[in-house]
Amino acid sequence: MREGRKAAGLNGKDGRAAEGGTFASSAFFRPFSRMEVKSMKKLIYGAFFVSMLAFFSVSVAQDLPRLFSGRIQTVDNASDTIAVRTGDNTMAFQISRETRIKTDFGEDVPFNQLKATMSVVVEYMKEGDTIHPLSVKVNTLPSGYASNRKLQQLCGVIQTVEEGGRNIVVTDGQKTMAFHISQDTKTNVPISDLKSGTRVKIDYLYKGAINQTLSINAKAKSKGTGKKQTGGKK
């Protein structure tokens, strides 16, 4: 009996010790409540969503092609590289076999036909410091790569001038056409001298419903005609 009580006493102490140990451990490592678990899940999911959103945003921004337009400054046939400049910015593009070179009419252009002063639009991808040109579109301007059979001409008289001389309407007596004067249009006189009644010869390319004006040559009014008219009036 005494041994049993002693054993029971020991077991009781051990039990209290065990209970005390359990209580002590549970005080420091108590299980989380359901609300706490839900809050932690929300925080984890939110952090994961934000990180993935930032990752995909950077990836998409890097994957989008870019455009650079300007005029060719130099052509290096040895390295298949062109330098394009617009304003104060100059970019070099190394043309590969995968790079498509076409006119804005869709005609293929060999690399050896690219010349300085051509107006081009380059579509490229940038990966770090590496630039991969995808395509080069050559604008069909007088200094560019244009097909002669598409070059057209109109000789006539300016009927109206609009938007500070940037748009003119010309007629040759049979047809009337509108032309836009861009920064690439060549003129033999200042734009301010292109007025109603001025005789002009216009070289242009017909692209769909748009006339791409290449050059305008204005014919100066004869001074002799004016003297004759004055003499006649007398």
Foldseek 3Di string as FASTA:
>chain_A
DVVVVVVVVVVVVVVVVVVVVVVVVCVVVPDDDPVVVVVVVVVVVVVVVVVVVVVVVVVVVQPDKDKDKAWWADADPVQCKTWGDDDPDIDIARDDPQEFEEEPVRHGDDSVQRDGGWIWMWIWGDDPPDIHTRYIYTYPAPVTDDDPVQKDKDKFFWAAADDQQQKTWGDRPPDIDIAGHDPQEAEPDPSNPRHGGWIWMWIWGDDPPHTHTHYIYTDDDDVVVVVVVVVVVD
